[in-house]
Amino acid sequence: MDTEAPQHWQLAAGQTAHLPVARGSQLAVLAGRVRVQWPVNWLGEIAMRNSVDSGEGLACRFERAGWVAVQALADAEICLHPREAHPAQPQWTWTKAQA
């Protein structure tokens, strides 16, 4: 069950959207071609950033929260789906004491 509605963006070729993503959220490319740069990973003191070029049909789930850069290589439409909310599980339960 989603807690928020998916967000849609139309990007012109060359335009970049910088999006904050939550762990578990999903990005889908509905039209066009994009370059997606994942949140920065740190290896010691070196910042590393992975990217991928893809077109319509790309769907990816973010394993970590952070900022993602989505650059339109051609006119594109993208959609960010928030992570699914799961009902909270009780950490403890009541039990009746036996006398």
C-alpha atoms as a PDB file:
ATOM      1  CA  MET A   1       0.000   0.000   0.000  1.00  0.00           C
ATOM      2  CA  ASP A   2       1.540   3.336  -1.067  1.00  0.00           C
ATOM      3  CA  THR A   3       1.484   6.224   1.369  1.00  0.00           C
ATOM      4  CA  GLU A   4       2.013   8.803  -1.364  1.00  0.00           C
ATOM      5  CA  ALA A   5       0.968   9.084  -4.999  1.00  0.00           C
ATOM      6  CA  PRO A   6       3.618   8.488  -7.679  1.00  0.00           C
ATOM      7  CA  GLN A   7       5.267  11.646  -9.013  1.00  0.00           C
ATOM      8  CA  HIS A   8       5.615  12.271 -12.775  1.00  0.00           C
ATOM      9  CA  TRP A   9       8.032  14.545 -14.634  1.00  0.00           C
ATOM     10  CA  GLN A  10       8.409  15.496 -18.297  1.00  0.00           C
ATOM     11  CA  LEU A  11      12.019  16.305 -19.178  1.00  0.00           C
ATOM     12  CA  ALA A  12      13.244  17.989 -22.355  1.00  0.00           C
ATOM     13  CA  ALA A  13      16.437  16.672 -23.963  1.00  0.00           C
ATOM     14  CA  GLY A  14      19.423  17.895 -21.923  1.00  0.00           C
ATOM     15  CA  GLN A  15      17.366  18.690 -18.831  1.00  0.00           C
ATOM     16  CA  THR A  16      18.325  17.073 -15.494  1.00  0.00           C
ATOM     17  CA  ALA A  17      16.095  16.368 -12.501  1.00  0.00           C
ATOM     18  CA  HIS A  18      17.738  15.904  -9.091  1.00  0.00           C
ATOM     19  CA  LEU A  19      15.379  13.764  -7.028  1.00  0.00           C
ATOM     20  CA  PRO A  20      15.517  12.738  -3.370  1.00  0.00           C
ATOM     21  CA  VAL A  21      14.683   9.043  -3.197  1.00  0.00           C
ATOM     22  CA  ALA A  22      13.749   6.900  -0.224  1.00  0.00           C
ATOM     23  CA  ARG A  23      15.027   3.373   0.267  1.00  0.00           C
ATOM     24  CA  GLY A  24      12.671   1.033  -1.587  1.00  0.00           C
ATOM     25  CA  SER A  25      11.243   3.653  -3.960  1.00  0.00           C
ATOM     26  CA  GLN A  26      11.113   2.854  -7.689  1.00  0.00           C
ATOM     27  CA  LEU A  27      11.920   4.889 -10.795  1.00  0.00           C
ATOM     28  CA  ALA A  28      10.277   4.087 -14.132  1.00  0.00           C
ATOM     29  CA  VAL A  29      11.050   5.575 -17.554  1.00  0.00           C
ATOM     30  CA  LEU A  30       7.724   5.873 -19.360  1.00  0.00           C
ATOM     31  CA  ALA A  31       9.086   7.436 -22.572  1.00  0.00           C
ATOM     32  CA  GLY A  32      12.361   8.641 -24.088  1.00  0.00           C
ATOM     33  CA  ARG A  33      15.972   7.991 -23.037  1.00  0.00           C
ATOM     34  CA  VAL A  34      17.665   8.957 -19.770  1.00  0.00           C
ATOM     35  CA  ARG A  35      20.922   8.660 -17.847  1.00  0.00           C
ATOM     36  CA  VAL A  36      20.356   7.782 -14.185  1.00  0.00           C
ATOM     37  CA  GLN A  37      23.108   8.487 -11.641  1.00  0.00           C
ATOM     38  CA  TRP A  38      22.609   6.610  -8.370  1.00  0.00           C
ATOM     39  CA  PRO A  39      23.291   8.096  -4.912  1.00  0.00           C
ATOM     40  CA  VAL A  40      26.950   8.522  -4.042  1.00  0.00           C
ATOM     41  CA  ASN A  41      28.752   5.538  -2.476  1.00  0.00           C
ATOM     42  CA  TRP A  42      31.837   6.127  -0.375  1.00  0.00           C
ATOM     43  CA  LEU A  43      34.878   3.875  -0.560  1.00  0.00           C
ATOM     44  CA  GLY A  44      37.156   5.243   2.126  1.00  0.00           C
ATOM     45  CA  GLU A  45      37.549   8.906   1.207  1.00  0.00           C
ATOM     46  CA  ILE A  46      36.615   8.412  -2.457  1.00  0.00           C
ATOM     47  CA  ALA A  47      33.115   9.274  -3.680  1.00  0.00           C
ATOM     48  CA  MET A  48      31.867   6.852  -6.338  1.00  0.00           C
ATOM     49  CA  ARG A  49      28.744   7.299  -8.431  1.00  0.00           C
ATOM     50  CA  ASN A  50      27.255   4.645 -10.726  1.00  0.00           C
ATOM     51  CA  SER A  51      25.177   5.571 -13.734  1.00  0.00           C
ATOM     52  CA  VAL A  52      23.244   3.808 -16.463  1.00  0.00           C
ATOM     53  CA  ASP A  53      21.775   4.955 -19.792  1.00  0.00           C
ATOM     54  CA  SER A  54      18.424   3.448 -20.653  1.00  0.00           C
ATOM     55  CA  GLY A  55      15.167   4.074 -22.388  1.00  0.00           C
ATOM     56  CA  GLU A  56      11.498   3.396 -22.098  1.00  0.00           C
ATOM     57  CA  GLY A  57      10.790   0.428 -19.858  1.00  0.00           C
ATOM     58  CA  LEU A  58      13.604   0.993 -17.335  1.00  0.00           C
ATOM     59  CA  ALA A  59      12.380   0.255 -13.834  1.00  0.00           C
ATOM     60  CA  CYS A  60      14.728   0.272 -10.889  1.00  0.00           C
ATOM     61  CA  ARG A  61      14.353   0.053  -7.118  1.00  0.00           C
ATOM     62  CA  PHE A  62      16.676   2.065  -4.894  1.00  0.00           C
ATOM     63  CA  GLU A  63      18.323   0.057  -2.139  1.00  0.00           C
ATOM     64  CA  ARG A  64      19.529   3.202  -0.347  1.00  0.00           C
ATOM     65  CA  ALA A  65      18.128   6.655   0.220  1.00  0.00           C
ATOM     66  CA  GLY A  66      19.882   9.630  -1.352  1.00  0.00           C
ATOM     67  CA  TRP A  67      19.827  11.985  -4.297  1.00  0.00           C
ATOM     68  CA  VAL A  68      19.491  10.669  -7.848  1.00  0.00           C
ATOM     69  CA  ALA A  69      20.228  12.668 -10.994  1.00  0.00           C
ATOM     70  CA  VAL A  70      18.079  11.811 -14.029  1.00  0.00           C
ATOM     71  CA  GLN A  71      19.308  13.461 -17.248  1.00  0.00           C
ATOM     72  CA  ALA A  72      17.135  13.332 -20.359  1.00  0.00           C
ATOM     73  CA  LEU A  73      19.183  12.192 -23.369  1.00  0.00           C
ATOM     74  CA  ALA A  74      16.036  12.727 -25.466  1.00  0.00           C
ATOM     75  CA  ASP A  75      12.629  14.090 -24.453  1.00  0.00           C
ATOM     76  CA  ALA A  76      11.522  11.799 -21.632  1.00  0.00           C
ATOM     77  CA  GLU A  77       8.800  11.094 -19.106  1.00  0.00           C
ATOM     78  CA  ILE A  78       9.693   9.530 -15.753  1.00  0.00           C
ATOM     79  CA  CYS A  79       7.725   8.387 -12.728  1.00  0.00           C
ATOM     80  CA  LEU A  80       8.929   7.944  -9.147  1.00  0.00           C
ATOM     81  CA  HIS A  81       6.875   5.531  -7.043  1.00  0.00           C
ATOM     82  CA  PRO A  82       7.296   5.892  -3.279  1.00  0.00           C
ATOM     83  CA  ARG A  83       8.221   2.825  -1.280  1.00  0.00           C
ATOM     84  CA  GLU A  84       5.389   0.660  -0.098  1.00  0.00           C
ATOM     85  CA  ALA A  85       4.393   1.205   3.503  1.00  0.00           C
ATOM     86  CA  HIS A  86       3.925  -1.922   5.556  1.00  0.00           C
ATOM     87  CA  PRO A  87       1.735  -1.913   8.639  1.00  0.00           C
ATOM     88  CA  ALA A  88       3.766  -1.656  11.812  1.00  0.00           C
ATOM     89  CA  GLN A  89       4.315  -4.965  13.512  1.00  0.00           C
ATOM     90  CA  PRO A  90       3.912  -4.953  17.293  1.00  0.00           C
ATOM     91  CA  GLN A  91       7.188  -5.232  19.165  1.00  0.00           C
ATOM     92  CA  TRP A  92       5.491  -6.992  22.075  1.00  0.00           C
ATOM     93  CA  THR A  93       2.092  -8.439  23.010  1.00  0.00           C
ATOM     94  CA  TRP A  94       0.002  -8.548  26.161  1.00  0.00           C
ATOM     95  CA  THR A  95      -0.374 -11.871  27.896  1.00  0.00           C
ATOM     96  CA  LYS A  96      -2.495 -12.761  30.893  1.00  0.00           C
ATOM     97  CA  ALA A  97      -0.471 -13.740  33.941  1.00  0.00           C
ATOM     98  CA  GLN A  98      -1.283 -17.154  35.365  1.00  0.00           C
ATOM     99  CA  ALA A  99      -1.982 -17.192  39.118  1.00  0.00           C
END
